[in-house]
Structure formats: structure tokens, C-alpha cells
Amino acid sequence: MPTRDPGLQQERTALAWRRTGLALVIGALTIGRLTMDTLGTSVLVPAAAAAVLAAWVVSVTLRGRRYALAHPDEPHFDRILRDGRVPAVVALVTVALAVGELTAALVQLLTLR
């Protein structure tokens, strides 16, 4: 029976957060582009802010990976998630994107009348 590598679970968790951050970057840029027709250039600042925050999520997980390579015996990803900043930023970006889309839909609905 093969021995279990304790670092693999943290590696999968870090990769999952990295994919989440990349998906949020793409989502922020896509939603910004799609809502620009409805809301105009006022959507550029919130979309850029959401993309920067999502990119921050990716960078945090990359920094955690570099730390893990330098200190292989020490659990690293627990430290990143312990203070709750990464999940809070992901939730903030997700809510901001949803509010942006709802605003664009509402504006579009009101202009059709």
C-alpha cells in the first residue's frame, strides 16, 4: 500500500483557489465588457477593481506555493486561509459581479419601456 503524501491535499487546495481566482478574473473582465454596452464607461472602474482583487487571490496562492517549496515540512496553506481574507475577497468579487449584472439588467429593462 502506498504511503500518503501530506502535501498533496494542500497542493490540490492551492490549485483550486488559483483556478477560482483565474475564473473570477475572466468573469470580471467578461462582465465588464458585456455591461459596457448598457452602462457605458462607468463599468470600467468596478470591473477593473474586481479583476485586480481576483488577481490578488491568484498571487496569494502563488506566494504560498513558493513558501511551501522553501519550507517543505511546514504546512503553508493553512496560514493563507486562517485569517479569512482570501475567501472574503472571493465573496466580495462574486457579489460585486452579481450586483453589476443585476444593475445592467435593470437598466436595460427600464430603457425598453
PDB file of N, CA and C in Angstrom:
ATOM      1  N   MET A   1       0.845  -1.175   0.000  1.00  0.00           N
ATOM      2  CA  MET A   1       0.000   0.000   0.000  1.00  0.00           C
ATOM      3  C   MET A   1       0.897   1.248   0.000  1.00  0.00           C
ATOM      4  N   PRO A   2       0.642   2.187  -0.936  1.00  0.00           N
ATOM      5  CA  PRO A   2       1.487   3.383  -0.995  1.00  0.00           C
ATOM      6  C   PRO A   2       1.236   4.300   0.202  1.00  0.00           C
ATOM      7  N   THR A   3       2.282   4.984   0.618  1.00  0.00           N
ATOM      8  CA  THR A   3       2.133   5.917   1.732  1.00  0.00           C
ATOM      9  C   THR A   3       1.484   7.210   1.248  1.00  0.00           C
ATOM     10  N   ARG A   4       0.765   7.819   2.131  1.00  0.00           N
ATOM     11  CA  ARG A   4       0.047   9.051   1.793  1.00  0.00           C
ATOM     12  C   ARG A   4       0.982  10.242   1.915  1.00  0.00           C
ATOM     13  N   ASP A   5       0.962  11.117   0.914  1.00  0.00           N
ATOM     14  CA  ASP A   5       1.771  12.326   0.928  1.00  0.00           C
ATOM     15  C   ASP A   5       0.949  13.457   1.530  1.00  0.00           C
ATOM     16  N   PRO A   6       1.319  13.980   2.694  1.00  0.00           N
ATOM     17  CA  PRO A   6       0.503  15.003   3.344  1.00  0.00           C
ATOM     18  C   PRO A   6       0.473  16.333   2.580  1.00  0.00           C
ATOM     19  N   GLY A   7       1.395  16.540   1.664  1.00  0.00           N
ATOM     20  CA  GLY A   7       1.425  17.791   0.928  1.00  0.00           C
ATOM     21  C   GLY A   7       0.467  17.846  -0.242  1.00  0.00           C
ATOM     22  N   LEU A   8      -0.035  16.684  -0.671  1.00  0.00           N
ATOM     23  CA  LEU A   8      -0.903  16.662  -1.844  1.00  0.00           C
ATOM     24  C   LEU A   8      -2.243  17.352  -1.600  1.00  0.00           C
ATOM     25  N   GLN A   9      -2.804  17.190  -0.415  1.00  0.00           N
ATOM     26  CA  GLN A   9      -4.089  17.830  -0.128  1.00  0.00           C
ATOM     27  C   GLN A   9      -3.953  19.347  -0.190  1.00  0.00           C
ATOM     28  N   GLN A  10      -2.883  19.874   0.382  1.00  0.00           N
ATOM     29  CA  GLN A  10      -2.678  21.317   0.332  1.00  0.00           C
ATOM     30  C   GLN A  10      -2.399  21.783  -1.089  1.00  0.00           C
ATOM     31  N   GLU A  11      -1.721  20.970  -1.859  1.00  0.00           N
ATOM     32  CA  GLU A  11      -1.453  21.312  -3.257  1.00  0.00           C
ATOM     33  C   GLU A  11      -2.763  21.395  -4.042  1.00  0.00           C
ATOM     34  N   ARG A  12      -3.656  20.440  -3.831  1.00  0.00           N
ATOM     35  CA  ARG A  12      -4.959  20.473  -4.509  1.00  0.00           C
ATOM     36  C   ARG A  12      -5.776  21.688  -4.073  1.00  0.00           C
ATOM     37  N   THR A  13      -5.711  22.012  -2.794  1.00  0.00           N
ATOM     38  CA  THR A  13      -6.436  23.179  -2.293  1.00  0.00           C
ATOM     39  C   THR A  13      -5.885  24.455  -2.916  1.00  0.00           C
ATOM     40  N   ALA A  14      -4.578  24.576  -2.982  1.00  0.00           N
ATOM     41  CA  ALA A  14      -3.965  25.763  -3.589  1.00  0.00           C
ATOM     42  C   ALA A  14      -4.331  25.868  -5.062  1.00  0.00           C
ATOM     43  N   LEU A  15      -4.320  24.750  -5.765  1.00  0.00           N
ATOM     44  CA  LEU A  15      -4.699  24.772  -7.181  1.00  0.00           C
ATOM     45  C   LEU A  15      -6.164  25.158  -7.362  1.00  0.00           C
ATOM     46  N   ALA A  16      -7.018  24.694  -6.475  1.00  0.00           N
ATOM     47  CA  ALA A  16      -8.438  25.044  -6.561  1.00  0.00           C
ATOM     48  C   ALA A  16      -8.647  26.547  -6.343  1.00  0.00           C
ATOM     49  N   TRP A  17      -7.953  27.124  -5.357  1.00  0.00           N
ATOM     50  CA  TRP A  17      -8.066  28.564  -5.136  1.00  0.00           C
ATOM     51  C   TRP A  17      -7.494  29.343  -6.307  1.00  0.00           C
ATOM     52  N   ARG A  18      -6.418  28.842  -6.885  1.00  0.00           N
ATOM     53  CA  ARG A  18      -5.821  29.511  -8.044  1.00  0.00           C
ATOM     54  C   ARG A  18      -6.797  29.495  -9.220  1.00  0.00           C
ATOM     55  N   ARG A  19      -7.442  28.356  -9.468  1.00  0.00           N
ATOM     56  CA  ARG A  19      -8.442  28.272 -10.545  1.00  0.00           C
ATOM     57  C   ARG A  19      -9.620  29.202 -10.258  1.00  0.00           C
ATOM     58  N   THR A  20     -10.030  29.287  -9.001  1.00  0.00           N
ATOM     59  CA  THR A  20     -11.123  30.180  -8.629  1.00  0.00           C
ATOM     60  C   THR A  20     -10.746  31.632  -8.920  1.00  0.00           C
ATOM     61  N   GLY A  21      -9.535  32.018  -8.549  1.00  0.00           N
ATOM     62  CA  GLY A  21      -9.082  33.375  -8.814  1.00  0.00           C
ATOM     63  C   GLY A  21      -9.016  33.683 -10.299  1.00  0.00           C
ATOM     64  N   LEU A  22      -8.503  32.741 -11.082  1.00  0.00           N
ATOM     65  CA  LEU A  22      -8.432  32.944 -12.529  1.00  0.00           C
ATOM     66  C   LEU A  22      -9.824  33.037 -13.147  1.00  0.00           C
ATOM     67  N   ALA A  23     -10.746  32.217 -12.670  1.00  0.00           N
ATOM     68  CA  ALA A  23     -12.120  32.277 -13.178  1.00  0.00           C
ATOM     69  C   ALA A  23     -12.763  33.622 -12.837  1.00  0.00           C
ATOM     70  N   LEU A  24     -12.467  34.154 -11.660  1.00  0.00           N
ATOM     71  CA  LEU A  24     -13.014  35.460 -11.284  1.00  0.00           C
ATOM     72  C   LEU A  24     -12.415  36.578 -12.124  1.00  0.00           C
ATOM     73  N   VAL A  25     -11.133  36.487 -12.440  1.00  0.00           N
ATOM     74  CA  VAL A  25     -10.511  37.495 -13.315  1.00  0.00           C
ATOM     75  C   VAL A  25     -11.215  37.498 -14.665  1.00  0.00           C
ATOM     76  N   ILE A  26     -11.373  36.316 -15.241  1.00  0.00           N
ATOM     77  CA  ILE A  26     -12.039  36.206 -16.544  1.00  0.00           C
ATOM     78  C   ILE A  26     -13.490  36.667 -16.440  1.00  0.00           C
ATOM     79  N   GLY A  27     -14.168  36.290 -15.368  1.00  0.00           N
ATOM     80  CA  GLY A  27     -15.555  36.708 -15.172  1.00  0.00           C
ATOM     81  C   GLY A  27     -15.683  38.219 -15.039  1.00  0.00           C
ATOM     82  N   ALA A  28     -14.785  38.836 -14.284  1.00  0.00           N
ATOM     83  CA  ALA A  28     -14.846  40.293 -14.108  1.00  0.00           C
ATOM     84  C   ALA A  28     -14.623  41.011 -15.430  1.00  0.00           C
ATOM     85  N   LEU A  29     -13.650  40.554 -16.192  1.00  0.00           N
ATOM     86  CA  LEU A  29     -13.380  41.200 -17.478  1.00  0.00           C
ATOM     87  C   LEU A  29     -14.515  40.968 -18.473  1.00  0.00           C
ATOM     88  N   THR A  30     -15.067  39.768 -18.471  1.00  0.00           N
ATOM     89  CA  THR A  30     -16.164  39.457 -19.391  1.00  0.00           C
ATOM     90  C   THR A  30     -17.417  40.253 -19.033  1.00  0.00           C
ATOM     91  N   ILE A  31     -17.771  40.273 -17.768  1.00  0.00           N
ATOM     92  CA  ILE A  31     -18.954  41.015 -17.345  1.00  0.00           C
ATOM     93  C   ILE A  31     -18.756  42.503 -17.586  1.00  0.00           C
ATOM     94  N   GLY A  32     -17.547  42.993 -17.347  1.00  0.00           N
ATOM     95  CA  GLY A  32     -17.273  44.398 -17.640  1.00  0.00           C
ATOM     96  C   GLY A  32     -17.471  44.718 -19.107  1.00  0.00           C
ATOM     97  N   ARG A  33     -17.009  43.846 -19.952  1.00  0.00           N
ATOM     98  CA  ARG A  33     -17.152  44.058 -21.396  1.00  0.00           C
ATOM     99  C   ARG A  33     -18.625  43.964 -21.830  1.00  0.00           C
ATOM    100  N   LEU A  34     -19.351  43.003 -21.304  1.00  0.00           N
ATOM    101  CA  LEU A  34     -20.744  42.821 -21.704  1.00  0.00           C
ATOM    102  C   LEU A  34     -21.661  43.924 -21.195  1.00  0.00           C
ATOM    103  N   THR A  35     -21.368  44.459 -20.018  1.00  0.00           N
ATOM    104  CA  THR A  35     -22.226  45.504 -19.465  1.00  0.00           C
ATOM    105  C   THR A  35     -21.830  46.895 -19.934  1.00  0.00           C
ATOM    106  N   MET A  36     -20.724  47.020 -20.623  1.00  0.00           N
ATOM    107  CA  MET A  36     -20.317  48.333 -21.108  1.00  0.00           C
ATOM    108  C   MET A  36     -21.333  48.892 -22.102  1.00  0.00           C
ATOM    109  N   ASP A  37     -21.961  48.030 -22.882  1.00  0.00           N
ATOM    110  CA  ASP A  37     -22.978  48.488 -23.831  1.00  0.00           C
ATOM    111  C   ASP A  37     -24.181  49.097 -23.110  1.00  0.00           C
ATOM    112  N   THR A  38     -24.532  48.542 -21.961  1.00  0.00           N
ATOM    113  CA  THR A  38     -25.701  49.004 -21.224  1.00  0.00           C
ATOM    114  C   THR A  38     -25.378  50.177 -20.301  1.00  0.00           C
ATOM    115  N   LEU A  39     -24.308  50.055 -19.532  1.00  0.00           N
ATOM    116  CA  LEU A  39     -23.993  51.049 -18.506  1.00  0.00           C
ATOM    117  C   LEU A  39     -22.952  52.076 -18.944  1.00  0.00           C
ATOM    118  N   GLY A  40     -22.327  51.870 -20.074  1.00  0.00           N
ATOM    119  CA  GLY A  40     -21.312  52.806 -20.545  1.00  0.00           C
ATOM    120  C   GLY A  40     -19.977  52.607 -19.844  1.00  0.00           C
ATOM    121  N   THR A  41     -19.153  53.624 -19.887  1.00  0.00           N
ATOM    122  CA  THR A  41     -17.806  53.508 -19.334  1.00  0.00           C
ATOM    123  C   THR A  41     -17.770  53.521 -17.811  1.00  0.00           C
ATOM    124  N   SER A  42     -18.910  53.763 -17.158  1.00  0.00           N
ATOM    125  CA  SER A  42     -18.933  53.738 -15.692  1.00  0.00           C
ATOM    126  C   SER A  42     -18.649  52.349 -15.140  1.00  0.00           C
ATOM    127  N   VAL A  43     -18.710  51.354 -15.973  1.00  0.00           N
ATOM    128  CA  VAL A  43     -18.462  49.983 -15.524  1.00  0.00           C
ATOM    129  C   VAL A  43     -16.967  49.651 -15.509  1.00  0.00           C
ATOM    130  N   LEU A  44     -16.145  50.482 -16.103  1.00  0.00           N
ATOM    131  CA  LEU A  44     -14.717  50.173 -16.189  1.00  0.00           C
ATOM    132  C   LEU A  44     -14.032  50.105 -14.828  1.00  0.00           C
ATOM    133  N   VAL A  45     -14.307  51.058 -13.965  1.00  0.00           N
ATOM    134  CA  VAL A  45     -13.644  51.087 -12.656  1.00  0.00           C
ATOM    135  C   VAL A  45     -14.036  49.880 -11.803  1.00  0.00           C
ATOM    136  N   PRO A  46     -15.340  49.573 -11.638  1.00  0.00           N
ATOM    137  CA  PRO A  46     -15.672  48.375 -10.841  1.00  0.00           C
ATOM    138  C   PRO A  46     -15.152  47.080 -11.458  1.00  0.00           C
ATOM    139  N   ALA A  47     -15.194  46.966 -12.780  1.00  0.00           N
ATOM    140  CA  ALA A  47     -14.692  45.742 -13.421  1.00  0.00           C
ATOM    141  C   ALA A  47     -13.188  45.613 -13.224  1.00  0.00           C
ATOM    142  N   ALA A  48     -12.473  46.712 -13.339  1.00  0.00           N
ATOM    143  CA  ALA A  48     -11.024  46.682 -13.121  1.00  0.00           C
ATOM    144  C   ALA A  48     -10.707  46.350 -11.664  1.00  0.00           C
ATOM    145  N   ALA A  49     -11.455  46.927 -10.736  1.00  0.00           N
ATOM    146  CA  ALA A  49     -11.236  46.626  -9.313  1.00  0.00           C
ATOM    147  C   ALA A  49     -11.502  45.151  -9.020  1.00  0.00           C
ATOM    148  N   ALA A  50     -12.561  44.609  -9.601  1.00  0.00           N
ATOM    149  CA  ALA A  50     -12.871  43.186  -9.397  1.00  0.00           C
ATOM    150  C   ALA A  50     -11.774  42.313  -9.996  1.00  0.00           C
ATOM    151  N   ALA A  51     -11.267  42.687 -11.168  1.00  0.00           N
ATOM    152  CA  ALA A  51     -10.197  41.910 -11.797  1.00  0.00           C
ATOM    153  C   ALA A  51      -8.917  41.969 -10.962  1.00  0.00           C
ATOM    154  N   VAL A  52      -8.600  43.131 -10.405  1.00  0.00           N
ATOM    155  CA  VAL A  52      -7.397  43.264  -9.572  1.00  0.00           C
ATOM    156  C   VAL A  52      -7.535  42.440  -8.294  1.00  0.00           C
ATOM    157  N   LEU A  53      -8.704  42.497  -7.654  1.00  0.00           N
ATOM    158  CA  LEU A  53      -8.903  41.692  -6.445  1.00  0.00           C
ATOM    159  C   LEU A  53      -8.826  40.197  -6.747  1.00  0.00           C
ATOM    160  N   ALA A  54      -9.385  39.783  -7.872  1.00  0.00           N
ATOM    161  CA  ALA A  54      -9.315  38.370  -8.247  1.00  0.00           C
ATOM    162  C   ALA A  54      -7.878  37.977  -8.565  1.00  0.00           C
ATOM    163  N   ALA A  55      -7.128  38.859  -9.196  1.00  0.00           N
ATOM    164  CA  ALA A  55      -5.715  38.578  -9.466  1.00  0.00           C
ATOM    165  C   ALA A  55      -4.931  38.483  -8.161  1.00  0.00           C
ATOM    166  N   TRP A  56      -5.352  39.241  -7.146  1.00  0.00           N
ATOM    167  CA  TRP A  56      -4.714  39.154  -5.842  1.00  0.00           C
ATOM    168  C   TRP A  56      -4.888  37.753  -5.247  1.00  0.00           C
ATOM    169  N   VAL A  57      -6.065  37.165  -5.431  1.00  0.00           N
ATOM    170  CA  VAL A  57      -6.304  35.799  -4.949  1.00  0.00           C
ATOM    171  C   VAL A  57      -5.304  34.842  -5.593  1.00  0.00           C
ATOM    172  N   VAL A  58      -5.091  34.993  -6.890  1.00  0.00           N
ATOM    173  CA  VAL A  58      -4.129  34.132  -7.585  1.00  0.00           C
ATOM    174  C   VAL A  58      -2.727  34.362  -7.037  1.00  0.00           C
ATOM    175  N   SER A  59      -2.345  35.618  -6.823  1.00  0.00           N
ATOM    176  CA  SER A  59      -0.984  35.901  -6.350  1.00  0.00           C
ATOM    177  C   SER A  59      -0.749  35.373  -4.943  1.00  0.00           C
ATOM    178  N   VAL A  60      -1.768  35.427  -4.096  1.00  0.00           N
ATOM    179  CA  VAL A  60      -1.621  34.898  -2.734  1.00  0.00           C
ATOM    180  C   VAL A  60      -1.344  33.400  -2.776  1.00  0.00           C
ATOM    181  N   THR A  61      -2.048  32.689  -3.632  1.00  0.00           N
ATOM    182  CA  THR A  61      -1.818  31.244  -3.710  1.00  0.00           C
ATOM    183  C   THR A  61      -0.456  30.941  -4.325  1.00  0.00           C
ATOM    184  N   LEU A  62       0.009  31.779  -5.230  1.00  0.00           N
ATOM    185  CA  LEU A  62       1.339  31.566  -5.795  1.00  0.00           C
ATOM    186  C   LEU A  62       2.427  31.823  -4.759  1.00  0.00           C
ATOM    187  N   ARG A  63       2.249  32.864  -3.930  1.00  0.00           N
ATOM    188  CA  ARG A  63       3.218  33.127  -2.865  1.00  0.00           C
ATOM    189  C   ARG A  63       3.249  31.978  -1.873  1.00  0.00           C
ATOM    190  N   GLY A  64       2.089  31.407  -1.576  1.00  0.00           N
ATOM    191  CA  GLY A  64       2.034  30.260  -0.674  1.00  0.00           C
ATOM    192  C   GLY A  64       2.783  29.070  -1.239  1.00  0.00           C
ATOM    193  N   ARG A  65       2.733  28.901  -2.552  1.00  0.00           N
ATOM    194  CA  ARG A  65       3.457  27.801  -3.204  1.00  0.00           C
ATOM    195  C   ARG A  65       4.965  27.993  -3.071  1.00  0.00           C
ATOM    196  N   ARG A  66       5.431  29.226  -3.266  1.00  0.00           N
ATOM    197  CA  ARG A  66       6.874  29.485  -3.129  1.00  0.00           C
ATOM    198  C   ARG A  66       7.331  29.233  -1.701  1.00  0.00           C
ATOM    199  N   TYR A  67       6.511  29.614  -0.726  1.00  0.00           N
ATOM    200  CA  TYR A  67       6.853  29.373   0.671  1.00  0.00           C
ATOM    201  C   TYR A  67       6.925  27.877   0.947  1.00  0.00           C
ATOM    202  N   ALA A  68       5.994  27.136   0.374  1.00  0.00           N
ATOM    203  CA  ALA A  68       5.964  25.688   0.601  1.00  0.00           C
ATOM    204  C   ALA A  68       7.203  25.014   0.014  1.00  0.00           C
ATOM    205  N   LEU A  69       7.666  25.499  -1.120  1.00  0.00           N
ATOM    206  CA  LEU A  69       8.871  24.919  -1.703  1.00  0.00           C
ATOM    207  C   LEU A  69      10.092  25.198  -0.832  1.00  0.00           C
ATOM    208  N   ALA A  70      10.139  26.355  -0.202  1.00  0.00           N
ATOM    209  CA  ALA A  70      11.273  26.703   0.652  1.00  0.00           C
ATOM    210  C   ALA A  70      11.201  26.006   2.007  1.00  0.00           C
ATOM    211  N   HIS A  71       9.996  25.689   2.477  1.00  0.00           N
ATOM    212  CA  HIS A  71       9.795  25.048   3.790  1.00  0.00           C
ATOM    213  C   HIS A  71       8.909  23.814   3.619  1.00  0.00           C
ATOM    214  N   PRO A  72       9.436  22.719   3.101  1.00  0.00           N
ATOM    215  CA  PRO A  72       8.593  21.564   2.769  1.00  0.00           C
ATOM    216  C   PRO A  72       7.964  20.861   3.969  1.00  0.00           C
ATOM    217  N   ASP A  73       8.528  20.995   5.166  1.00  0.00           N
ATOM    218  CA  ASP A  73       7.992  20.283   6.328  1.00  0.00           C
ATOM    219  C   ASP A  73       6.884  21.048   7.040  1.00  0.00           C
ATOM    220  N   GLU A  74       6.659  22.283   6.663  1.00  0.00           N
ATOM    221  CA  GLU A  74       5.715  23.132   7.372  1.00  0.00           C
ATOM    222  C   GLU A  74       4.432  23.310   6.559  1.00  0.00           C
ATOM    223  N   PRO A  75       3.246  23.099   7.148  1.00  0.00           N
ATOM    224  CA  PRO A  75       2.005  23.341   6.406  1.00  0.00           C
ATOM    225  C   PRO A  75       1.886  24.826   6.080  1.00  0.00           C
ATOM    226  N   HIS A  76       1.580  25.136   4.833  1.00  0.00           N
ATOM    227  CA  HIS A  76       1.589  26.530   4.417  1.00  0.00           C
ATOM    228  C   HIS A  76       0.206  27.067   4.078  1.00  0.00           C
ATOM    229  N   PHE A  77      -0.635  26.280   3.483  1.00  0.00           N
ATOM    230  CA  PHE A  77      -1.893  26.840   3.006  1.00  0.00           C
ATOM    231  C   PHE A  77      -2.847  27.128   4.153  1.00  0.00           C
ATOM    232  N   ASP A  78      -2.657  26.464   5.277  1.00  0.00           N
ATOM    233  CA  ASP A  78      -3.468  26.768   6.456  1.00  0.00           C
ATOM    234  C   ASP A  78      -3.284  28.225   6.872  1.00  0.00           C
ATOM    235  N   ARG A  79      -2.053  28.737   6.753  1.00  0.00           N
ATOM    236  CA  ARG A  79      -1.776  30.115   7.142  1.00  0.00           C
ATOM    237  C   ARG A  79      -2.497  31.104   6.232  1.00  0.00           C
ATOM    238  N   ILE A  80      -2.596  30.786   4.950  1.00  0.00           N
ATOM    239  CA  ILE A  80      -3.218  31.698   3.997  1.00  0.00           C
ATOM    240  C   ILE A  80      -4.714  31.824   4.262  1.00  0.00           C
ATOM    241  N   LEU A  81      -5.365  30.723   4.573  1.00  0.00           N
ATOM    242  CA  LEU A  81      -6.817  30.740   4.768  1.00  0.00           C
ATOM    243  C   LEU A  81      -7.231  31.088   6.197  1.00  0.00           C
ATOM    244  N   ARG A  82      -6.287  31.059   7.121  1.00  0.00           N
ATOM    245  CA  ARG A  82      -6.628  31.231   8.529  1.00  0.00           C
ATOM    246  C   ARG A  82      -7.294  32.580   8.817  1.00  0.00           C
ATOM    247  N   ASP A  83      -6.793  33.655   8.231  1.00  0.00           N
ATOM    248  CA  ASP A  83      -7.352  34.971   8.548  1.00  0.00           C
ATOM    249  C   ASP A  83      -8.626  35.275   7.756  1.00  0.00           C
ATOM    250  N   GLY A  84      -8.958  34.475   6.740  1.00  0.00           N
ATOM    251  CA  GLY A  84     -10.205  34.626   6.016  1.00  0.00           C
ATOM    252  C   GLY A  84     -10.199  35.676   4.926  1.00  0.00           C
ATOM    253  N   ARG A  85      -9.036  36.264   4.626  1.00  0.00           N
ATOM    254  CA  ARG A  85      -9.003  37.310   3.600  1.00  0.00           C
ATOM    255  C   ARG A  85      -9.296  36.762   2.214  1.00  0.00           C
ATOM    256  N   VAL A  86      -8.725  35.619   1.863  1.00  0.00           N
ATOM    257  CA  VAL A  86      -8.923  35.069   0.520  1.00  0.00           C
ATOM    258  C   VAL A  86     -10.397  34.725   0.277  1.00  0.00           C
ATOM    259  N   PRO A  87     -11.055  33.977   1.167  1.00  0.00           N
ATOM    260  CA  PRO A  87     -12.483  33.717   0.940  1.00  0.00           C
ATOM    261  C   PRO A  87     -13.326  34.987   0.952  1.00  0.00           C
ATOM    262  N   ALA A  88     -12.956  35.965   1.779  1.00  0.00           N
ATOM    263  CA  ALA A  88     -13.712  37.215   1.821  1.00  0.00           C
ATOM    264  C   ALA A  88     -13.587  37.978   0.507  1.00  0.00           C
ATOM    265  N   VAL A  89     -12.396  38.005  -0.079  1.00  0.00           N
ATOM    266  CA  VAL A  89     -12.206  38.696  -1.353  1.00  0.00           C
ATOM    267  C   VAL A  89     -12.966  37.979  -2.460  1.00  0.00           C
ATOM    268  N   VAL A  90     -12.934  36.645  -2.448  1.00  0.00           N
ATOM    269  CA  VAL A  90     -13.683  35.886  -3.454  1.00  0.00           C
ATOM    270  C   VAL A  90     -15.177  36.185  -3.331  1.00  0.00           C
ATOM    271  N   ALA A  91     -15.688  36.212  -2.104  1.00  0.00           N
ATOM    272  CA  ALA A  91     -17.111  36.522  -1.902  1.00  0.00           C
ATOM    273  C   ALA A  91     -17.424  37.952  -2.341  1.00  0.00           C
ATOM    274  N   LEU A  92     -16.549  38.901  -2.013  1.00  0.00           N
ATOM    275  CA  LEU A  92     -16.755  40.298  -2.394  1.00  0.00           C
ATOM    276  C   LEU A  92     -16.795  40.465  -3.909  1.00  0.00           C
ATOM    277  N   VAL A  93     -15.857  39.844  -4.599  1.00  0.00           N
ATOM    278  CA  VAL A  93     -15.824  39.950  -6.059  1.00  0.00           C
ATOM    279  C   VAL A  93     -17.061  39.297  -6.671  1.00  0.00           C
ATOM    280  N   THR A  94     -17.458  38.155  -6.160  1.00  0.00           N
ATOM    281  CA  THR A  94     -18.633  37.467  -6.681  1.00  0.00           C
ATOM    282  C   THR A  94     -19.892  38.307  -6.488  1.00  0.00           C
ATOM    283  N   VAL A  95     -20.056  38.886  -5.314  1.00  0.00           N
ATOM    284  CA  VAL A  95     -21.225  39.730  -5.046  1.00  0.00           C
ATOM    285  C   VAL A  95     -21.183  40.987  -5.917  1.00  0.00           C
ATOM    286  N   ALA A  96     -20.003  41.583  -6.069  1.00  0.00           N
ATOM    287  CA  ALA A  96     -19.884  42.788  -6.899  1.00  0.00           C
ATOM    288  C   ALA A  96     -20.244  42.495  -8.350  1.00  0.00           C
ATOM    289  N   LEU A  97     -19.803  41.353  -8.858  1.00  0.00           N
ATOM    290  CA  LEU A  97     -20.140  40.983 -10.233  1.00  0.00           C
ATOM    291  C   LEU A  97     -21.636  40.728 -10.377  1.00  0.00           C
ATOM    292  N   ALA A  98     -22.231  40.094  -9.389  1.00  0.00           N
ATOM    293  CA  ALA A  98     -23.679  39.843  -9.441  1.00  0.00           C
ATOM    294  C   ALA A  98     -24.455  41.153  -9.389  1.00  0.00           C
ATOM    295  N   VAL A  99     -24.053  42.078  -8.528  1.00  0.00           N
ATOM    296  CA  VAL A  99     -24.734  43.369  -8.441  1.00  0.00           C
ATOM    297  C   VAL A  99     -24.570  44.141  -9.750  1.00  0.00           C
ATOM    298  N   GLY A 100     -23.387  44.079 -10.337  1.00  0.00           N
ATOM    299  CA  GLY A 100     -23.169  44.739 -11.620  1.00  0.00           C
ATOM    300  C   GLY A 100     -24.070  44.194 -12.710  1.00  0.00           C
ATOM    301  N   GLU A 101     -24.198  42.902 -12.759  1.00  0.00           N
ATOM    302  CA  GLU A 101     -25.068  42.288 -13.769  1.00  0.00           C
ATOM    303  C   GLU A 101     -26.530  42.606 -13.515  1.00  0.00           C
ATOM    304  N   LEU A 102     -26.945  42.579 -12.259  1.00  0.00           N
ATOM    305  CA  LEU A 102     -28.330  42.925 -11.938  1.00  0.00           C
ATOM    306  C   LEU A 102     -28.628  44.386 -12.282  1.00  0.00           C
ATOM    307  N   THR A 103     -27.673  45.259 -12.028  1.00  0.00           N
ATOM    308  CA  THR A 103     -27.840  46.672 -12.384  1.00  0.00           C
ATOM    309  C   THR A 103     -27.977  46.835 -13.889  1.00  0.00           C
ATOM    310  N   ALA A 104     -27.133  46.158 -14.636  1.00  0.00           N
ATOM    311  CA  ALA A 104     -27.191  46.238 -16.101  1.00  0.00           C
ATOM    312  C   ALA A 104     -28.522  45.699 -16.617  1.00  0.00           C
ATOM    313  N   ALA A 105     -28.986  44.603 -16.031  1.00  0.00           N
ATOM    314  CA  ALA A 105     -30.274  44.045 -16.458  1.00  0.00           C
ATOM    315  C   ALA A 105     -31.417  45.001 -16.133  1.00  0.00           C
ATOM    316  N   LEU A 106     -31.366  45.628 -14.965  1.00  0.00           N
ATOM    317  CA  LEU A 106     -32.401  46.578 -14.566  1.00  0.00           C
ATOM    318  C   LEU A 106     -32.410  47.805 -15.478  1.00  0.00           C
ATOM    319  N   VAL A 107     -31.237  48.326 -15.784  1.00  0.00           N
ATOM    320  CA  VAL A 107     -31.142  49.479 -16.691  1.00  0.00           C
ATOM    321  C   VAL A 107     -31.681  49.113 -18.063  1.00  0.00           C
ATOM    322  N   GLN A 108     -31.317  47.942 -18.525  1.00  0.00           N
ATOM    323  CA  GLN A 108     -31.796  47.506 -19.844  1.00  0.00           C
ATOM    324  C   GLN A 108     -33.312  47.328 -19.851  1.00  0.00           C
ATOM    325  N   LEU A 109     -33.850  46.795 -18.764  1.00  0.00           N
ATOM    326  CA  LEU A 109     -35.292  46.619 -18.651  1.00  0.00           C
ATOM    327  C   LEU A 109     -36.009  47.952 -18.634  1.00  0.00           C
ATOM    328  N   LEU A 110     -35.471  48.911 -17.912  1.00  0.00           N
ATOM    329  CA  LEU A 110     -36.110  50.227 -17.807  1.00  0.00           C
ATOM    330  C   LEU A 110     -36.012  51.024 -19.105  1.00  0.00           C
ATOM    331  N   THR A 111     -34.982  50.809 -19.882  1.00  0.00           N
ATOM    332  CA  THR A 111     -34.854  51.537 -21.142  1.00  0.00           C
ATOM    333  C   THR A 111     -35.730  50.934 -22.236  1.00  0.00           C
ATOM    334  N   LEU A 112     -36.166  49.710 -22.074  1.00  0.00           N
ATOM    335  CA  LEU A 112     -37.048  49.083 -23.070  1.00  0.00           C
ATOM    336  C   LEU A 112     -38.467  49.614 -22.968  1.00  0.00           C
ATOM    337  N   ARG A 113     -38.834  50.148 -21.841  1.00  0.00           N
ATOM    338  CA  ARG A 113     -40.221  50.629 -21.632  1.00  0.00           C
ATOM    339  C   ARG A 113     -40.433  51.953 -22.240  1.00  0.00           C
TER     340      ARG A 113
END
